[in-house]
Amino acid sequence: MPPDPEYSISLANFFSYVWDTTGIPLEQEGPTIHGRESVIITPQFGRLVIYGRLVKSKFPEDWNFEVIERERGRILGEWFSTACPEGECGFVWLNTCEQITAADFSAAYQRGWKEE
């Protein structure tokens, strides 16, 4: 298992999901902001498997926002992949995730977050 994050409490629920950028152009025309055109850059990973663990902020001032997001169907997690092996914290739609076991999560960590 990766070490517990400093900024949150691990809740021992584990997930995986796929972020698929297949067919999405690297650059897309973005919105005009303050009269200037913008470009959206999409990292190209193809089919990236992301592994995560449910977390809760250590800071009580964040808890109400976490409840609101959970009611909207989004969960706060620490997410790991070959593109971000050190992990990053963020919200993900629960309906895009598949729950996995702690053993599966630990095995993915041991593989460097690569697919089996």
N, C-alpha and C. Protein backbone atom coordinates (compact mmCIF):
# COMPACT_ATOMS: atom_id res chain seq x y z
N MET A 1 0.84 -1.19 0.00
CA MET A 1 0.00 0.00 0.00
C MET A 1 0.88 1.25 0.00
N PRO A 2 0.45 2.27 -0.73
CA PRO A 2 1.18 3.53 -0.63
C PRO A 2 0.97 4.11 0.77
N PRO A 3 1.88 4.97 1.21
CA PRO A 3 1.70 5.57 2.53
C PRO A 3 0.42 6.41 2.57
N ASP A 4 -0.16 6.52 3.76
CA ASP A 4 -1.35 7.36 3.91
C ASP A 4 -0.98 8.81 3.61
N PRO A 5 -1.90 9.53 2.98
CA PRO A 5 -1.63 10.94 2.65
C PRO A 5 -1.60 11.79 3.92
N GLU A 6 -0.83 12.87 3.87
CA GLU A 6 -0.71 13.78 5.01
C GLU A 6 -1.98 14.61 5.21
N TYR A 7 -2.70 14.88 4.15
CA TYR A 7 -3.80 15.83 4.16
C TYR A 7 -5.18 15.20 4.34
N SER A 8 -5.24 13.88 4.43
CA SER A 8 -6.54 13.24 4.53
C SER A 8 -6.45 11.93 5.30
N ILE A 9 -7.62 11.38 5.55
CA ILE A 9 -7.75 10.11 6.27
C ILE A 9 -8.26 9.07 5.29
N SER A 10 -7.55 7.96 5.17
CA SER A 10 -7.98 6.88 4.28
C SER A 10 -9.16 6.14 4.91
N LEU A 11 -10.21 5.89 4.11
CA LEU A 11 -11.42 5.25 4.62
C LEU A 11 -11.54 3.78 4.21
N ALA A 12 -10.48 3.20 3.68
CA ALA A 12 -10.40 1.76 3.38
C ALA A 12 -11.45 1.27 2.38
N ASN A 13 -11.84 2.11 1.45
CA ASN A 13 -12.65 1.70 0.29
C ASN A 13 -11.80 1.99 -0.93
N PHE A 14 -11.75 1.03 -1.85
CA PHE A 14 -10.84 1.13 -2.98
C PHE A 14 -11.60 0.99 -4.29
N PHE A 15 -11.11 1.71 -5.32
CA PHE A 15 -11.81 1.78 -6.60
C PHE A 15 -10.82 1.76 -7.76
N SER A 16 -11.36 1.50 -8.94
CA SER A 16 -10.62 1.73 -10.18
C SER A 16 -11.60 2.26 -11.20
N TYR A 17 -11.07 3.00 -12.17
CA TYR A 17 -11.87 3.45 -13.30
C TYR A 17 -10.93 3.70 -14.46
N VAL A 18 -11.49 3.85 -15.64
CA VAL A 18 -10.70 4.06 -16.85
C VAL A 18 -10.97 5.45 -17.38
N TRP A 19 -9.88 6.19 -17.64
CA TRP A 19 -9.98 7.47 -18.31
C TRP A 19 -9.50 7.22 -19.74
N ASP A 20 -10.42 7.29 -20.69
CA ASP A 20 -10.12 6.93 -22.07
C ASP A 20 -10.05 8.18 -22.94
N THR A 21 -8.85 8.50 -23.41
CA THR A 21 -8.68 9.67 -24.28
C THR A 21 -8.55 9.27 -25.75
N THR A 22 -8.84 8.01 -26.05
CA THR A 22 -8.78 7.54 -27.43
C THR A 22 -9.72 8.36 -28.30
N GLY A 23 -9.20 8.91 -29.37
CA GLY A 23 -10.02 9.66 -30.32
C GLY A 23 -10.25 11.12 -29.95
N ILE A 24 -9.79 11.55 -28.79
CA ILE A 24 -9.93 12.96 -28.41
C ILE A 24 -8.70 13.70 -28.93
N PRO A 25 -8.89 14.76 -29.69
CA PRO A 25 -7.73 15.49 -30.24
C PRO A 25 -6.86 16.07 -29.12
N LEU A 26 -5.57 16.17 -29.38
CA LEU A 26 -4.64 16.77 -28.42
C LEU A 26 -5.04 18.20 -28.10
N GLU A 27 -5.38 18.96 -29.14
CA GLU A 27 -5.78 20.36 -28.95
C GLU A 27 -7.19 20.56 -29.49
N GLN A 28 -7.99 21.30 -28.73
CA GLN A 28 -9.35 21.63 -29.13
C GLN A 28 -9.57 23.12 -28.89
N GLU A 29 -10.43 23.71 -29.70
CA GLU A 29 -10.77 25.12 -29.50
C GLU A 29 -11.55 25.25 -28.21
N GLY A 30 -11.12 26.14 -27.37
CA GLY A 30 -11.79 26.37 -26.10
C GLY A 30 -12.66 27.61 -26.16
N PRO A 31 -13.23 27.97 -25.03
CA PRO A 31 -14.10 29.15 -25.00
C PRO A 31 -13.29 30.45 -25.12
N THR A 32 -13.97 31.50 -25.51
CA THR A 32 -13.36 32.83 -25.52
C THR A 32 -13.47 33.40 -24.11
N ILE A 33 -12.35 33.76 -23.54
CA ILE A 33 -12.31 34.27 -22.17
C ILE A 33 -11.72 35.68 -22.20
N HIS A 34 -12.51 36.64 -21.73
CA HIS A 34 -12.09 38.04 -21.71
C HIS A 34 -11.61 38.49 -23.10
N GLY A 35 -12.34 38.05 -24.13
CA GLY A 35 -12.02 38.46 -25.49
C GLY A 35 -10.86 37.72 -26.13
N ARG A 36 -10.33 36.72 -25.44
CA ARG A 36 -9.19 35.97 -26.00
C ARG A 36 -9.60 34.52 -26.23
N GLU A 37 -9.21 33.99 -27.36
CA GLU A 37 -9.50 32.59 -27.66
C GLU A 37 -8.61 31.70 -26.79
N SER A 38 -9.11 30.53 -26.46
CA SER A 38 -8.32 29.60 -25.66
C SER A 38 -8.26 28.24 -26.36
N VAL A 39 -7.32 27.44 -25.93
CA VAL A 39 -7.13 26.09 -26.47
C VAL A 39 -7.16 25.13 -25.29
N ILE A 40 -7.87 24.02 -25.46
CA ILE A 40 -7.91 22.98 -24.45
C ILE A 40 -6.94 21.89 -24.88
N ILE A 41 -6.01 21.57 -24.00
CA ILE A 41 -5.03 20.50 -24.26
C ILE A 41 -5.46 19.26 -23.49
N THR A 42 -5.61 18.15 -24.18
CA THR A 42 -5.99 16.89 -23.53
C THR A 42 -4.78 15.95 -23.54
N PRO A 43 -4.26 15.60 -22.37
CA PRO A 43 -3.15 14.63 -22.34
C PRO A 43 -3.57 13.34 -23.05
N GLN A 44 -2.66 12.75 -23.76
CA GLN A 44 -2.96 11.56 -24.55
C GLN A 44 -2.42 10.31 -23.85
N PHE A 45 -3.32 9.60 -23.18
CA PHE A 45 -2.93 8.37 -22.49
C PHE A 45 -3.59 7.14 -23.08
N GLY A 46 -4.49 7.34 -24.02
CA GLY A 46 -5.25 6.19 -24.52
C GLY A 46 -6.21 5.74 -23.44
N ARG A 47 -6.07 4.50 -23.03
CA ARG A 47 -6.94 3.92 -22.01
C ARG A 47 -6.14 3.82 -20.71
N LEU A 48 -6.28 4.82 -19.85
CA LEU A 48 -5.51 4.89 -18.61
C LEU A 48 -6.35 4.35 -17.45
N VAL A 49 -5.85 3.30 -16.79
CA VAL A 49 -6.54 2.76 -15.62
C VAL A 49 -6.06 3.54 -14.39
N ILE A 50 -7.03 4.03 -13.63
CA ILE A 50 -6.74 4.83 -12.44
C ILE A 50 -7.26 4.07 -11.22
N TYR A 51 -6.43 3.98 -10.20
CA TYR A 51 -6.78 3.29 -8.96
C TYR A 51 -6.90 4.34 -7.86
N GLY A 52 -7.85 4.12 -6.96
CA GLY A 52 -8.04 5.11 -5.92
C GLY A 52 -8.50 4.53 -4.60
N ARG A 53 -8.33 5.35 -3.59
CA ARG A 53 -8.87 5.00 -2.27
C ARG A 53 -9.68 6.19 -1.77
N LEU A 54 -10.81 5.87 -1.16
CA LEU A 54 -11.68 6.88 -0.60
C LEU A 54 -10.97 7.56 0.55
N VAL A 55 -11.02 8.88 0.60
CA VAL A 55 -10.38 9.63 1.68
C VAL A 55 -11.36 10.67 2.22
N LYS A 56 -11.02 11.20 3.37
CA LYS A 56 -11.76 12.29 4.00
C LYS A 56 -10.73 13.30 4.46
N SER A 57 -11.02 14.57 4.22
CA SER A 57 -10.09 15.63 4.63
C SER A 57 -9.88 15.60 6.14
N LYS A 58 -8.69 15.93 6.56
CA LYS A 58 -8.39 16.06 7.99
C LYS A 58 -8.92 17.38 8.55
N PHE A 59 -9.40 18.25 7.67
CA PHE A 59 -9.82 19.59 8.06
C PHE A 59 -11.34 19.68 8.14
N PRO A 60 -11.89 19.88 9.34
CA PRO A 60 -13.35 19.91 9.52
C PRO A 60 -14.06 20.92 8.62
N GLU A 61 -13.40 21.99 8.26
CA GLU A 61 -14.04 22.99 7.39
C GLU A 61 -14.33 22.44 5.99
N ASP A 62 -13.73 21.32 5.61
CA ASP A 62 -13.97 20.70 4.30
C ASP A 62 -15.13 19.70 4.32
N TRP A 63 -15.53 19.24 5.49
CA TRP A 63 -16.47 18.12 5.58
C TRP A 63 -17.83 18.42 4.98
N ASN A 64 -18.35 19.62 5.17
CA ASN A 64 -19.66 19.94 4.61
C ASN A 64 -19.63 19.87 3.08
N PHE A 65 -18.56 20.39 2.47
CA PHE A 65 -18.43 20.33 1.02
C PHE A 65 -18.34 18.88 0.55
N GLU A 66 -17.64 18.04 1.28
CA GLU A 66 -17.54 16.62 0.92
C GLU A 66 -18.91 15.95 0.95
N VAL A 67 -19.73 16.28 1.94
CA VAL A 67 -21.09 15.73 2.03
C VAL A 67 -21.92 16.17 0.83
N ILE A 68 -21.83 17.44 0.47
CA ILE A 68 -22.58 17.96 -0.68
C ILE A 68 -22.17 17.23 -1.95
N GLU A 69 -20.88 17.05 -2.15
CA GLU A 69 -20.40 16.35 -3.35
C GLU A 69 -20.84 14.89 -3.34
N ARG A 70 -20.82 14.25 -2.20
CA ARG A 70 -21.26 12.85 -2.11
C ARG A 70 -22.74 12.74 -2.49
N GLU A 71 -23.54 13.70 -2.04
CA GLU A 71 -24.96 13.71 -2.40
C GLU A 71 -25.16 13.90 -3.90
N ARG A 72 -24.22 14.57 -4.55
CA ARG A 72 -24.26 14.76 -6.01
C ARG A 72 -23.75 13.54 -6.76
N GLY A 73 -23.19 12.55 -6.02
CA GLY A 73 -22.69 11.33 -6.65
C GLY A 73 -21.20 11.33 -6.90
N ARG A 74 -20.49 12.26 -6.26
CA ARG A 74 -19.03 12.33 -6.44
C ARG A 74 -18.34 11.97 -5.13
N ILE A 75 -17.24 11.24 -5.24
CA ILE A 75 -16.49 10.83 -4.05
C ILE A 75 -15.10 11.46 -4.06
N LEU A 76 -14.61 11.75 -2.87
CA LEU A 76 -13.26 12.29 -2.72
C LEU A 76 -12.31 11.11 -2.56
N GLY A 77 -11.30 11.10 -3.38
CA GLY A 77 -10.34 10.00 -3.32
C GLY A 77 -8.94 10.48 -3.59
N GLU A 78 -8.01 9.61 -3.29
CA GLU A 78 -6.62 9.79 -3.71
C GLU A 78 -6.43 8.83 -4.86
N TRP A 79 -6.06 9.36 -6.04
CA TRP A 79 -6.07 8.61 -7.29
C TRP A 79 -4.66 8.41 -7.82
N PHE A 80 -4.36 7.19 -8.26
CA PHE A 80 -3.03 6.79 -8.71
C PHE A 80 -3.11 6.16 -10.09
N SER A 81 -2.06 6.36 -10.89
CA SER A 81 -1.96 5.73 -12.21
C SER A 81 -0.50 5.78 -12.65
N THR A 82 -0.23 5.20 -13.80
CA THR A 82 1.13 5.29 -14.34
C THR A 82 1.45 6.73 -14.71
N ALA A 83 0.43 7.54 -14.99
CA ALA A 83 0.64 8.96 -15.32
C ALA A 83 0.87 9.80 -14.07
N CYS A 84 0.39 9.33 -12.91
CA CYS A 84 0.54 10.07 -11.65
C CYS A 84 0.76 9.05 -10.53
N PRO A 85 1.93 8.42 -10.51
CA PRO A 85 2.18 7.35 -9.54
C PRO A 85 2.21 7.81 -8.09
N GLU A 86 2.48 9.09 -7.86
CA GLU A 86 2.52 9.60 -6.48
C GLU A 86 1.12 9.91 -5.95
N GLY A 87 0.12 9.89 -6.81
CA GLY A 87 -1.26 10.10 -6.42
C GLY A 87 -1.65 11.57 -6.36
N GLU A 88 -2.93 11.81 -6.55
CA GLU A 88 -3.48 13.15 -6.42
C GLU A 88 -4.88 13.05 -5.87
N CYS A 89 -5.26 14.04 -5.11
CA CYS A 89 -6.56 14.06 -4.45
C CYS A 89 -7.58 14.78 -5.34
N GLY A 90 -8.80 14.24 -5.40
CA GLY A 90 -9.83 14.90 -6.16
C GLY A 90 -11.13 14.14 -6.12
N PHE A 91 -12.18 14.75 -6.67
CA PHE A 91 -13.50 14.14 -6.73
C PHE A 91 -13.70 13.45 -8.06
N VAL A 92 -14.36 12.29 -8.02
CA VAL A 92 -14.68 11.50 -9.22
C VAL A 92 -16.12 11.03 -9.09
N TRP A 93 -16.82 10.94 -10.22
CA TRP A 93 -18.18 10.41 -10.20
C TRP A 93 -18.15 8.95 -9.78
N LEU A 94 -18.90 8.62 -8.76
CA LEU A 94 -18.94 7.25 -8.24
C LEU A 94 -19.44 6.27 -9.30
N ASN A 95 -20.37 6.71 -10.15
CA ASN A 95 -20.91 5.78 -11.15
C ASN A 95 -19.90 5.43 -12.25
N THR A 96 -18.73 6.08 -12.28
CA THR A 96 -17.69 5.70 -13.25
C THR A 96 -16.70 4.72 -12.64
N CYS A 97 -16.84 4.47 -11.33
CA CYS A 97 -15.87 3.64 -10.60
C CYS A 97 -16.38 2.22 -10.39
N GLU A 98 -15.42 1.34 -10.26
CA GLU A 98 -15.70 -0.05 -9.88
C GLU A 98 -15.00 -0.27 -8.54
N GLN A 99 -15.73 -0.79 -7.57
CA GLN A 99 -15.10 -1.05 -6.27
C GLN A 99 -14.20 -2.27 -6.40
N ILE A 100 -13.00 -2.17 -5.80
CA ILE A 100 -12.04 -3.27 -5.80
C ILE A 100 -11.65 -3.56 -4.35
N THR A 101 -10.96 -4.66 -4.15
CA THR A 101 -10.54 -5.03 -2.80
C THR A 101 -9.24 -4.33 -2.43
N ALA A 102 -8.96 -4.33 -1.13
CA ALA A 102 -7.68 -3.78 -0.66
C ALA A 102 -6.52 -4.56 -1.27
N ALA A 103 -6.69 -5.86 -1.43
CA ALA A 103 -5.64 -6.69 -2.03
C ALA A 103 -5.39 -6.30 -3.49
N ASP A 104 -6.47 -6.03 -4.24
CA ASP A 104 -6.32 -5.59 -5.63
C ASP A 104 -5.61 -4.24 -5.71
N PHE A 105 -5.98 -3.33 -4.82
CA PHE A 105 -5.36 -2.01 -4.78
C PHE A 105 -3.87 -2.14 -4.45
N SER A 106 -3.56 -2.95 -3.45
CA SER A 106 -2.16 -3.15 -3.05
C SER A 106 -1.35 -3.80 -4.17
N ALA A 107 -1.96 -4.75 -4.87
CA ALA A 107 -1.27 -5.41 -5.99
C ALA A 107 -0.98 -4.41 -7.11
N ALA A 108 -1.93 -3.50 -7.38
CA ALA A 108 -1.71 -2.46 -8.40
C ALA A 108 -0.55 -1.56 -7.99
N TYR A 109 -0.50 -1.22 -6.72
CA TYR A 109 0.63 -0.42 -6.19
C TYR A 109 1.95 -1.15 -6.41
N GLN A 110 1.97 -2.44 -6.11
CA GLN A 110 3.21 -3.23 -6.28
C GLN A 110 3.64 -3.29 -7.74
N ARG A 111 2.68 -3.24 -8.67
CA ARG A 111 2.97 -3.27 -10.11
C ARG A 111 3.31 -1.89 -10.65
N GLY A 112 3.34 -0.87 -9.82
CA GLY A 112 3.58 0.50 -10.29
C GLY A 112 2.37 1.06 -11.02
N TRP A 113 1.17 0.59 -10.62
CA TRP A 113 -0.11 1.04 -11.15
C TRP A 113 -0.35 0.58 -12.59
N LYS A 114 0.46 -0.34 -13.08
CA LYS A 114 0.25 -0.88 -14.42
C LYS A 114 -0.86 -1.94 -14.37
N GLU A 115 -1.55 -2.09 -15.51
CA GLU A 115 -2.58 -3.13 -15.61
C GLU A 115 -1.92 -4.50 -15.57
N GLU A 116 -2.70 -5.47 -15.15
CA GLU A 116 -2.17 -6.86 -15.12
C GLU A 116 -1.96 -7.37 -16.51
